[in-house]
Each structure stands twice: as structure tokens, then as C-alpha cells.
Amino acid sequence: MCNLSETIEERGIHKGIQEESLRSIHAVMKNAHLSSKEAIDLLEIPESDWLKYLELLQQSQ
């Protein structure tokens, strides 16, 4: 049971980080008038995560 609750907690933390990153990307795009790729680069999001965030950005529009 502990492993299940830990897994659920980790997923929640991961989702929260992802949502906060998306909000940050949107804010940088809006306020600095940058493209999504420029905003992601400015925020120093690892290149290995770029595709995931670009897809999430497309879904949110």
C-alpha cells in the first residue's frame, strides 16, 4: 500500500511541475513575445523534454 501511495504522490508532484512549467512557458511567450521554442530555451528546460512541452502547448491552444 505504501508503494501505491508513493507512486500516486510522485505522479502528482510530476504533474504539478509540468503544469507550472507550462504556465511559465506561456508567460514568457506572452510577456517577452517569444516563440514556444525560444521560451523553452530561455527557461533552460532540458532538450530531452522539449517535444513533450511543445505537444502540450499545442493541446492547450
PDB file of N, CA and C in Angstrom:
ATOM      1  N   MET A   1       0.820  -1.189   0.000  1.00  0.00           N
ATOM      2  CA  MET A   1       0.000   0.000   0.000  1.00  0.00           C
ATOM      3  C   MET A   1       0.867   1.257   0.000  1.00  0.00           C
ATOM      4  N   CYS A   2       1.978   1.239   0.721  1.00  0.00           N
ATOM      5  CA  CYS A   2       2.858   2.397   0.751  1.00  0.00           C
ATOM      6  C   CYS A   2       3.407   2.721  -0.624  1.00  0.00           C
ATOM      7  N   ASN A   3       3.772   1.683  -1.374  1.00  0.00           N
ATOM      8  CA  ASN A   3       4.308   1.917  -2.707  1.00  0.00           C
ATOM      9  C   ASN A   3       3.273   2.584  -3.604  1.00  0.00           C
ATOM     10  N   LEU A   4       2.033   2.193  -3.477  1.00  0.00           N
ATOM     11  CA  LEU A   4       0.974   2.801  -4.276  1.00  0.00           C
ATOM     12  C   LEU A   4       0.812   4.269  -3.919  1.00  0.00           C
ATOM     13  N   SER A   5       0.785   4.594  -2.643  1.00  0.00           N
ATOM     14  CA  SER A   5       0.623   5.994  -2.241  1.00  0.00           C
ATOM     15  C   SER A   5       1.839   6.822  -2.641  1.00  0.00           C
ATOM     16  N   GLU A   6       3.023   6.214  -2.596  1.00  0.00           N
ATOM     17  CA  GLU A   6       4.222   6.938  -3.035  1.00  0.00           C
ATOM     18  C   GLU A   6       4.176   7.197  -4.531  1.00  0.00           C
ATOM     19  N   THR A   7       3.707   6.218  -5.295  1.00  0.00           N
ATOM     20  CA  THR A   7       3.599   6.380  -6.743  1.00  0.00           C
ATOM     21  C   THR A   7       2.593   7.471  -7.080  1.00  0.00           C
ATOM     22  N   ILE A   8       1.468   7.469  -6.400  1.00  0.00           N
ATOM     23  CA  ILE A   8       0.449   8.496  -6.629  1.00  0.00           C
ATOM     24  C   ILE A   8       0.998   9.872  -6.275  1.00  0.00           C
ATOM     25  N   GLU A   9       1.731   9.963  -5.175  1.00  0.00           N
ATOM     26  CA  GLU A   9       2.314  11.234  -4.760  1.00  0.00           C
ATOM     27  C   GLU A   9       3.338  11.713  -5.784  1.00  0.00           C
ATOM     28  N   GLU A  10       4.185  10.815  -6.266  1.00  0.00           N
ATOM     29  CA  GLU A  10       5.190  11.186  -7.269  1.00  0.00           C
ATOM     30  C   GLU A  10       4.534  11.668  -8.554  1.00  0.00           C
ATOM     31  N   ARG A  11       3.459  10.999  -8.970  1.00  0.00           N
ATOM     32  CA  ARG A  11       2.743  11.424 -10.178  1.00  0.00           C
ATOM     33  C   ARG A  11       2.132  12.806  -9.992  1.00  0.00           C
ATOM     34  N   GLY A  12       1.611  13.063  -8.804  1.00  0.00           N
ATOM     35  CA  GLY A  12       1.041  14.382  -8.516  1.00  0.00           C
ATOM     36  C   GLY A  12       2.091  15.477  -8.547  1.00  0.00           C
ATOM     37  N   ILE A  13       3.241  15.177  -7.973  1.00  0.00           N
ATOM     38  CA  ILE A  13       4.339  16.141  -7.983  1.00  0.00           C
ATOM     39  C   ILE A  13       4.786  16.399  -9.413  1.00  0.00           C
ATOM     40  N   HIS A  14       4.946  15.336 -10.195  1.00  0.00           N
ATOM     41  CA  HIS A  14       5.370  15.468 -11.590  1.00  0.00           C
ATOM     42  C   HIS A  14       4.364  16.304 -12.384  1.00  0.00           C
ATOM     43  N   LYS A  15       3.085  16.030 -12.172  1.00  0.00           N
ATOM     44  CA  LYS A  15       2.040  16.785 -12.885  1.00  0.00           C
ATOM     45  C   LYS A  15       2.067  18.257 -12.478  1.00  0.00           C
ATOM     46  N   GLY A  16       2.286  18.536 -11.205  1.00  0.00           N
ATOM     47  CA  GLY A  16       2.367  19.918 -10.739  1.00  0.00           C
ATOM     48  C   GLY A  16       3.530  20.664 -11.354  1.00  0.00           C
ATOM     49  N   ILE A  17       4.669  19.999 -11.432  1.00  0.00           N
ATOM     50  CA  ILE A  17       5.851  20.611 -12.049  1.00  0.00           C
ATOM     51  C   ILE A  17       5.586  20.881 -13.526  1.00  0.00           C
ATOM     52  N   GLN A  18       4.969  19.921 -14.187  1.00  0.00           N
ATOM     53  CA  GLN A  18       4.653  20.074 -15.604  1.00  0.00           C
ATOM     54  C   GLN A  18       3.707  21.242 -15.834  1.00  0.00           C
ATOM     55  N   GLU A  19       2.670  21.349 -15.009  1.00  0.00           N
ATOM     56  CA  GLU A  19       1.708  22.444 -15.153  1.00  0.00           C
ATOM     57  C   GLU A  19       2.364  23.795 -14.885  1.00  0.00           C
ATOM     58  N   GLU A  20       3.229  23.855 -13.893  1.00  0.00           N
ATOM     59  CA  GLU A  20       3.932  25.106 -13.585  1.00  0.00           C
ATOM     60  C   GLU A  20       4.872  25.484 -14.727  1.00  0.00           C
ATOM     61  N   SER A  21       5.526  24.501 -15.310  1.00  0.00           N
ATOM     62  CA  SER A  21       6.403  24.770 -16.448  1.00  0.00           C
ATOM     63  C   SER A  21       5.609  25.319 -17.620  1.00  0.00           C
ATOM     64  N   LEU A  22       4.442  24.746 -17.874  1.00  0.00           N
ATOM     65  CA  LEU A  22       3.599  25.240 -18.967  1.00  0.00           C
ATOM     66  C   LEU A  22       3.154  26.678 -18.717  1.00  0.00           C
ATOM     67  N   ARG A  23       2.779  26.978 -17.473  1.00  0.00           N
ATOM     68  CA  ARG A  23       2.400  28.367 -17.147  1.00  0.00           C
ATOM     69  C   ARG A  23       3.571  29.311 -17.374  1.00  0.00           C
ATOM     70  N   SER A  24       4.753  28.878 -16.992  1.00  0.00           N
ATOM     71  CA  SER A  24       5.947  29.711 -17.183  1.00  0.00           C
ATOM     72  C   SER A  24       6.242  29.930 -18.657  1.00  0.00           C
ATOM     73  N   ILE A  25       6.128  28.872 -19.448  1.00  0.00           N
ATOM     74  CA  ILE A  25       6.359  28.986 -20.892  1.00  0.00           C
ATOM     75  C   ILE A  25       5.363  29.974 -21.491  1.00  0.00           C
ATOM     76  N   HIS A  26       4.087  29.827 -21.153  1.00  0.00           N
ATOM     77  CA  HIS A  26       3.064  30.748 -21.668  1.00  0.00           C
ATOM     78  C   HIS A  26       3.365  32.191 -21.258  1.00  0.00           C
ATOM     79  N   ALA A  27       3.761  32.397 -20.018  1.00  0.00           N
ATOM     80  CA  ALA A  27       4.044  33.752 -19.540  1.00  0.00           C
ATOM     81  C   ALA A  27       5.218  34.365 -20.290  1.00  0.00           C
ATOM     82  N   VAL A  28       6.267  33.590 -20.493  1.00  0.00           N
ATOM     83  CA  VAL A  28       7.440  34.099 -21.216  1.00  0.00           C
ATOM     84  C   VAL A  28       7.075  34.403 -22.661  1.00  0.00           C
ATOM     85  N   MET A  29       6.296  33.518 -23.280  1.00  0.00           N
ATOM     86  CA  MET A  29       5.882  33.753 -24.664  1.00  0.00           C
ATOM     87  C   MET A  29       5.095  35.056 -24.767  1.00  0.00           C
ATOM     88  N   LYS A  30       4.165  35.249 -23.844  1.00  0.00           N
ATOM     89  CA  LYS A  30       3.305  36.433 -23.877  1.00  0.00           C
ATOM     90  C   LYS A  30       4.074  37.706 -23.550  1.00  0.00           C
ATOM     91  N   ASN A  31       4.813  37.686 -22.454  1.00  0.00           N
ATOM     92  CA  ASN A  31       5.449  38.909 -21.965  1.00  0.00           C
ATOM     93  C   ASN A  31       6.722  39.293 -22.699  1.00  0.00           C
ATOM     94  N   ALA A  32       7.434  38.304 -23.214  1.00  0.00           N
ATOM     95  CA  ALA A  32       8.676  38.608 -23.931  1.00  0.00           C
ATOM     96  C   ALA A  32       8.499  38.486 -25.443  1.00  0.00           C
ATOM     97  N   HIS A  33       7.280  38.145 -25.860  1.00  0.00           N
ATOM     98  CA  HIS A  33       6.963  37.999 -27.286  1.00  0.00           C
ATOM     99  C   HIS A  33       7.930  37.030 -27.966  1.00  0.00           C
ATOM    100  N   LEU A  34       8.068  35.847 -27.354  1.00  0.00           N
ATOM    101  CA  LEU A  34       8.954  34.829 -27.893  1.00  0.00           C
ATOM    102  C   LEU A  34       8.138  33.653 -28.416  1.00  0.00           C
ATOM    103  N   SER A  35       8.750  32.882 -29.296  1.00  0.00           N
ATOM    104  CA  SER A  35       8.116  31.653 -29.763  1.00  0.00           C
ATOM    105  C   SER A  35       8.180  30.616 -28.652  1.00  0.00           C
ATOM    106  N   SER A  36       7.440  29.546 -28.830  1.00  0.00           N
ATOM    107  CA  SER A  36       7.450  28.493 -27.813  1.00  0.00           C
ATOM    108  C   SER A  36       8.842  27.905 -27.643  1.00  0.00           C
ATOM    109  N   LYS A  37       9.544  27.673 -28.729  1.00  0.00           N
ATOM    110  CA  LYS A  37      10.905  27.122 -28.639  1.00  0.00           C
ATOM    111  C   LYS A  37      11.853  28.093 -27.949  1.00  0.00           C
ATOM    112  N   GLU A  38      11.724  29.375 -28.244  1.00  0.00           N
ATOM    113  CA  GLU A  38      12.583  30.375 -27.592  1.00  0.00           C
ATOM    114  C   GLU A  38      12.292  30.448 -26.095  1.00  0.00           C
ATOM    115  N   ALA A  39      11.019  30.365 -25.733  1.00  0.00           N
ATOM    116  CA  ALA A  39      10.634  30.412 -24.319  1.00  0.00           C
ATOM    117  C   ALA A  39      11.157  29.194 -23.574  1.00  0.00           C
ATOM    118  N   ILE A  40      11.023  28.021 -24.172  1.00  0.00           N
ATOM    119  CA  ILE A  40      11.508  26.792 -23.552  1.00  0.00           C
ATOM    120  C   ILE A  40      13.018  26.866 -23.366  1.00  0.00           C
ATOM    121  N   ASP A  41      13.711  27.368 -24.360  1.00  0.00           N
ATOM    122  CA  ASP A  41      15.168  27.513 -24.274  1.00  0.00           C
ATOM    123  C   ASP A  41      15.546  28.516 -23.186  1.00  0.00           C
ATOM    124  N   LEU A  42      14.856  29.639 -23.133  1.00  0.00           N
ATOM    125  CA  LEU A  42      15.128  30.666 -22.130  1.00  0.00           C
ATOM    126  C   LEU A  42      14.949  30.128 -20.713  1.00  0.00           C
ATOM    127  N   LEU A  43      13.954  29.280 -20.526  1.00  0.00           N
ATOM    128  CA  LEU A  43      13.678  28.696 -19.213  1.00  0.00           C
ATOM    129  C   LEU A  43      14.613  27.526 -18.890  1.00  0.00           C
ATOM    130  N   GLU A  44      15.505  27.218 -19.821  1.00  0.00           N
ATOM    131  CA  GLU A  44      16.501  26.159 -19.644  1.00  0.00           C
ATOM    132  C   GLU A  44      15.874  24.795 -19.363  1.00  0.00           C
ATOM    133  N   ILE A  45      14.779  24.535 -20.054  1.00  0.00           N
ATOM    134  CA  ILE A  45      14.159  23.218 -19.971  1.00  0.00           C
ATOM    135  C   ILE A  45      15.025  22.274 -20.804  1.00  0.00           C
ATOM    136  N   PRO A  46      15.366  21.118 -20.258  1.00  0.00           N
ATOM    137  CA  PRO A  46      16.242  20.189 -20.983  1.00  0.00           C
ATOM    138  C   PRO A  46      15.678  19.831 -22.357  1.00  0.00           C
ATOM    139  N   GLU A  47      16.573  19.749 -23.332  1.00  0.00           N
ATOM    140  CA  GLU A  47      16.146  19.435 -24.695  1.00  0.00           C
ATOM    141  C   GLU A  47      15.391  18.115 -24.769  1.00  0.00           C
ATOM    142  N   SER A  48      15.694  17.202 -23.875  1.00  0.00           N
ATOM    143  CA  SER A  48      15.004  15.906 -23.872  1.00  0.00           C
ATOM    144  C   SER A  48      13.518  16.059 -23.555  1.00  0.00           C
ATOM    145  N   ASP A  49      13.115  17.180 -22.964  1.00  0.00           N
ATOM    146  CA  ASP A  49      11.708  17.431 -22.613  1.00  0.00           C
ATOM    147  C   ASP A  49      11.000  18.354 -23.600  1.00  0.00           C
ATOM    148  N   TRP A  50      11.727  18.897 -24.547  1.00  0.00           N
ATOM    149  CA  TRP A  50      11.143  19.875 -25.458  1.00  0.00           C
ATOM    150  C   TRP A  50       9.929  19.347 -26.203  1.00  0.00           C
ATOM    151  N   LEU A  51      10.048  18.167 -26.774  1.00  0.00           N
ATOM    152  CA  LEU A  51       8.950  17.622 -27.573  1.00  0.00           C
ATOM    153  C   LEU A  51       7.688  17.485 -26.733  1.00  0.00           C
ATOM    154  N   LYS A  52       7.845  17.006 -25.502  1.00  0.00           N
ATOM    155  CA  LYS A  52       6.695  16.846 -24.608  1.00  0.00           C
ATOM    156  C   LYS A  52       6.010  18.192 -24.378  1.00  0.00           C
ATOM    157  N   TYR A  53       6.788  19.237 -24.097  1.00  0.00           N
ATOM    158  CA  TYR A  53       6.192  20.541 -23.830  1.00  0.00           C
ATOM    159  C   TYR A  53       5.620  21.183 -25.082  1.00  0.00           C
ATOM    160  N   LEU A  54       6.261  20.994 -26.214  1.00  0.00           N
ATOM    161  CA  LEU A  54       5.710  21.530 -27.456  1.00  0.00           C
ATOM    162  C   LEU A  54       4.359  20.885 -27.777  1.00  0.00           C
ATOM    163  N   GLU A  55       4.244  19.574 -27.530  1.00  0.00           N
ATOM    164  CA  GLU A  55       2.970  18.893 -27.747  1.00  0.00           C
ATOM    165  C   GLU A  55       1.910  19.381 -26.767  1.00  0.00           C
ATOM    166  N   LEU A  56       2.289  19.555 -25.502  1.00  0.00           N
ATOM    167  CA  LEU A  56       1.342  20.060 -24.517  1.00  0.00           C
ATOM    168  C   LEU A  56       0.886  21.476 -24.833  1.00  0.00           C
ATOM    169  N   LEU A  57       1.792  22.288 -25.347  1.00  0.00           N
ATOM    170  CA  LEU A  57       1.430  23.653 -25.732  1.00  0.00           C
ATOM    171  C   LEU A  57       0.424  23.647 -26.888  1.00  0.00           C
ATOM    172  N   GLN A  58       0.619  22.761 -27.842  1.00  0.00           N
ATOM    173  CA  GLN A  58      -0.317  22.661 -28.959  1.00  0.00           C
ATOM    174  C   GLN A  58      -1.696  22.223 -28.477  1.00  0.00           C
ATOM    175  N   GLN A  59      -1.727  21.298 -27.527  1.00  0.00           N
ATOM    176  CA  GLN A  59      -3.001  20.815 -26.996  1.00  0.00           C
ATOM    177  C   GLN A  59      -3.730  21.898 -26.223  1.00  0.00           C
ATOM    178  N   SER A  60      -2.982  22.806 -25.606  1.00  0.00           N
ATOM    179  CA  SER A  60      -3.609  23.829 -24.753  1.00  0.00           C
ATOM    180  C   SER A  60      -4.110  25.026 -25.545  1.00  0.00           C
ATOM    181  N   GLN A  61      -3.821  25.064 -26.830  1.00  0.00           N
ATOM    182  CA  GLN A  61      -4.259  26.211 -27.637  1.00  0.00           C
ATOM    183  C   GLN A  61      -5.582  25.971 -28.284  1.00  0.00           C
TER     184      GLN A  61
END
